Protein backbone atom coordinates (compact mmCIF):
# COMPACT_ATOMS: atom_id res chain seq x y z
CA UNK A 1 0.00 0.00 0.00
CA UNK A 2 1.15 3.53 -0.71
CA UNK A 3 2.09 5.21 2.53
CA UNK A 4 0.88 8.59 3.67
CA UNK A 5 4.42 10.02 3.47
CA UNK A 6 4.22 9.66 -0.33
CA UNK A 7 0.79 11.27 -0.68
CA UNK A 8 1.45 14.46 1.29
CA UNK A 9 4.04 15.85 -1.18
CA UNK A 10 1.76 14.93 -4.08
CA UNK A 11 -1.11 16.89 -2.56
CA UNK A 12 1.23 19.82 -1.88
CA UNK A 13 2.36 19.79 -5.52
CA UNK A 14 -1.26 19.83 -6.70
CA UNK A 15 -1.97 22.81 -4.42
CA UNK A 16 1.09 24.65 -5.84
CA UNK A 17 -0.23 23.99 -9.35
CA UNK A 18 -3.69 25.36 -8.55
CA UNK A 19 -2.25 28.47 -6.89
CA UNK A 20 -0.42 29.14 -10.15
CA UNK A 21 -3.51 28.32 -12.19
CA UNK A 22 -5.68 30.83 -10.35
CA UNK A 23 -2.94 33.48 -10.46
CA UNK A 24 -2.63 32.96 -14.20
CA UNK A 25 -6.35 32.93 -14.92
CA UNK A 26 -7.14 35.87 -12.65
CA UNK A 27 -4.39 38.08 -14.02
CA UNK A 28 -6.36 39.67 -16.91
CA UNK A 29 -3.11 40.11 -18.81
CA UNK A 30 -1.18 41.69 -15.94
CA UNK A 31 2.38 40.38 -16.33
CA UNK A 32 2.99 40.81 -12.60
CA UNK A 33 0.57 37.90 -12.10
CA UNK A 34 1.02 35.96 -15.34
CA UNK A 35 4.70 35.18 -14.83
CA UNK A 36 4.43 33.94 -11.20
CA UNK A 37 1.31 32.00 -12.14
CA UNK A 38 3.09 30.27 -15.00
CA UNK A 39 6.09 29.51 -12.78
CA UNK A 40 3.87 28.05 -10.06
CA UNK A 41 2.07 25.89 -12.62
CA UNK A 42 5.38 24.68 -14.06
CA UNK A 43 6.71 23.92 -10.57
CA UNK A 44 3.52 22.03 -9.73
CA UNK A 45 3.77 19.89 -12.85
CA UNK A 46 7.46 19.12 -12.28
CA UNK A 47 6.86 18.20 -8.64
CA UNK A 48 3.90 16.01 -9.59
CA UNK A 49 6.00 14.10 -12.11
CA UNK A 50 8.82 13.61 -9.58
CA UNK A 51 6.49 12.39 -6.84
CA UNK A 52 4.53 10.12 -9.20
CA UNK A 53 7.78 8.48 -10.32
CA UNK A 54 8.71 7.91 -6.68
CA UNK A 55 5.30 6.35 -5.98
CA UNK A 56 5.55 4.08 -9.03
CA UNK A 57 9.05 2.99 -7.98
CA UNK A 58 7.67 2.04 -4.56
CA UNK A 59 4.77 0.12 -6.10
CA UNK A 60 6.87 -1.80 -8.64
CA UNK A 61 9.74 -2.56 -6.24
CA UNK A 62 7.40 -3.89 -3.57
CA UNK A 63 8.57 -7.21 -2.16
CA UNK A 64 5.84 -9.46 -0.76
C-alpha atoms as a PDB file:
ATOM      1  CA  UNK A   1       0.000   0.000   0.000  1.00  0.00           C
ATOM      2  CA  UNK A   2       1.155   3.526  -0.714  1.00  0.00           C
ATOM      3  CA  UNK A   3       2.087   5.214   2.531  1.00  0.00           C
ATOM      4  CA  UNK A   4       0.877   8.590   3.669  1.00  0.00           C
ATOM      5  CA  UNK A   5       4.417  10.022   3.470  1.00  0.00           C
ATOM      6  CA  UNK A   6       4.218   9.660  -0.332  1.00  0.00           C
ATOM      7  CA  UNK A   7       0.786  11.273  -0.680  1.00  0.00           C
ATOM      8  CA  UNK A   8       1.448  14.463   1.292  1.00  0.00           C
ATOM      9  CA  UNK A   9       4.042  15.851  -1.178  1.00  0.00           C
ATOM     10  CA  UNK A  10       1.762  14.925  -4.076  1.00  0.00           C
ATOM     11  CA  UNK A  11      -1.109  16.889  -2.556  1.00  0.00           C
ATOM     12  CA  UNK A  12       1.235  19.824  -1.875  1.00  0.00           C
ATOM     13  CA  UNK A  13       2.365  19.788  -5.521  1.00  0.00           C
ATOM     14  CA  UNK A  14      -1.256  19.833  -6.700  1.00  0.00           C
ATOM     15  CA  UNK A  15      -1.969  22.810  -4.421  1.00  0.00           C
ATOM     16  CA  UNK A  16       1.086  24.646  -5.836  1.00  0.00           C
ATOM     17  CA  UNK A  17      -0.232  23.992  -9.351  1.00  0.00           C
ATOM     18  CA  UNK A  18      -3.688  25.362  -8.551  1.00  0.00           C
ATOM     19  CA  UNK A  19      -2.250  28.474  -6.889  1.00  0.00           C
ATOM     20  CA  UNK A  20      -0.423  29.137 -10.150  1.00  0.00           C
ATOM     21  CA  UNK A  21      -3.507  28.323 -12.195  1.00  0.00           C
ATOM     22  CA  UNK A  22      -5.683  30.831 -10.346  1.00  0.00           C
ATOM     23  CA  UNK A  23      -2.939  33.479 -10.459  1.00  0.00           C
ATOM     24  CA  UNK A  24      -2.631  32.960 -14.202  1.00  0.00           C
ATOM     25  CA  UNK A  25      -6.352  32.925 -14.919  1.00  0.00           C
ATOM     26  CA  UNK A  26      -7.140  35.868 -12.653  1.00  0.00           C
ATOM     27  CA  UNK A  27      -4.387  38.079 -14.021  1.00  0.00           C
ATOM     28  CA  UNK A  28      -6.362  39.673 -16.908  1.00  0.00           C
ATOM     29  CA  UNK A  29      -3.105  40.107 -18.814  1.00  0.00           C
ATOM     30  CA  UNK A  30      -1.184  41.690 -15.942  1.00  0.00           C
ATOM     31  CA  UNK A  31       2.381  40.376 -16.329  1.00  0.00           C
ATOM     32  CA  UNK A  32       2.993  40.813 -12.602  1.00  0.00           C
ATOM     33  CA  UNK A  33       0.566  37.898 -12.100  1.00  0.00           C
ATOM     34  CA  UNK A  34       1.015  35.956 -15.343  1.00  0.00           C
ATOM     35  CA  UNK A  35       4.695  35.184 -14.828  1.00  0.00           C
ATOM     36  CA  UNK A  36       4.430  33.938 -11.204  1.00  0.00           C
ATOM     37  CA  UNK A  37       1.305  32.004 -12.144  1.00  0.00           C
ATOM     38  CA  UNK A  38       3.088  30.272 -15.002  1.00  0.00           C
ATOM     39  CA  UNK A  39       6.087  29.513 -12.784  1.00  0.00           C
ATOM     40  CA  UNK A  40       3.874  28.050 -10.059  1.00  0.00           C
ATOM     41  CA  UNK A  41       2.068  25.888 -12.624  1.00  0.00           C
ATOM     42  CA  UNK A  42       5.375  24.678 -14.058  1.00  0.00           C
ATOM     43  CA  UNK A  43       6.712  23.916 -10.573  1.00  0.00           C
ATOM     44  CA  UNK A  44       3.523  22.032  -9.727  1.00  0.00           C
ATOM     45  CA  UNK A  45       3.768  19.886 -12.845  1.00  0.00           C
ATOM     46  CA  UNK A  46       7.460  19.124 -12.283  1.00  0.00           C
ATOM     47  CA  UNK A  47       6.860  18.203  -8.639  1.00  0.00           C
ATOM     48  CA  UNK A  48       3.897  16.005  -9.591  1.00  0.00           C
ATOM     49  CA  UNK A  49       6.005  14.103 -12.106  1.00  0.00           C
ATOM     50  CA  UNK A  50       8.823  13.614  -9.578  1.00  0.00           C
ATOM     51  CA  UNK A  51       6.490  12.387  -6.843  1.00  0.00           C
ATOM     52  CA  UNK A  52       4.528  10.121  -9.199  1.00  0.00           C
ATOM     53  CA  UNK A  53       7.783   8.478 -10.320  1.00  0.00           C
ATOM     54  CA  UNK A  54       8.710   7.906  -6.680  1.00  0.00           C
ATOM     55  CA  UNK A  55       5.303   6.348  -5.978  1.00  0.00           C
ATOM     56  CA  UNK A  56       5.551   4.075  -9.028  1.00  0.00           C
ATOM     57  CA  UNK A  57       9.045   2.995  -7.985  1.00  0.00           C
ATOM     58  CA  UNK A  58       7.674   2.039  -4.560  1.00  0.00           C
ATOM     59  CA  UNK A  59       4.773   0.118  -6.103  1.00  0.00           C
ATOM     60  CA  UNK A  60       6.872  -1.801  -8.644  1.00  0.00           C
ATOM     61  CA  UNK A  61       9.739  -2.560  -6.240  1.00  0.00           C
ATOM     62  CA  UNK A  62       7.400  -3.892  -3.571  1.00  0.00           C
ATOM     63  CA  UNK A  63       8.570  -7.215  -2.155  1.00  0.00           C
ATOM     64  CA  UNK A  64       5.838  -9.464  -0.765  1.00  0.00           C
END
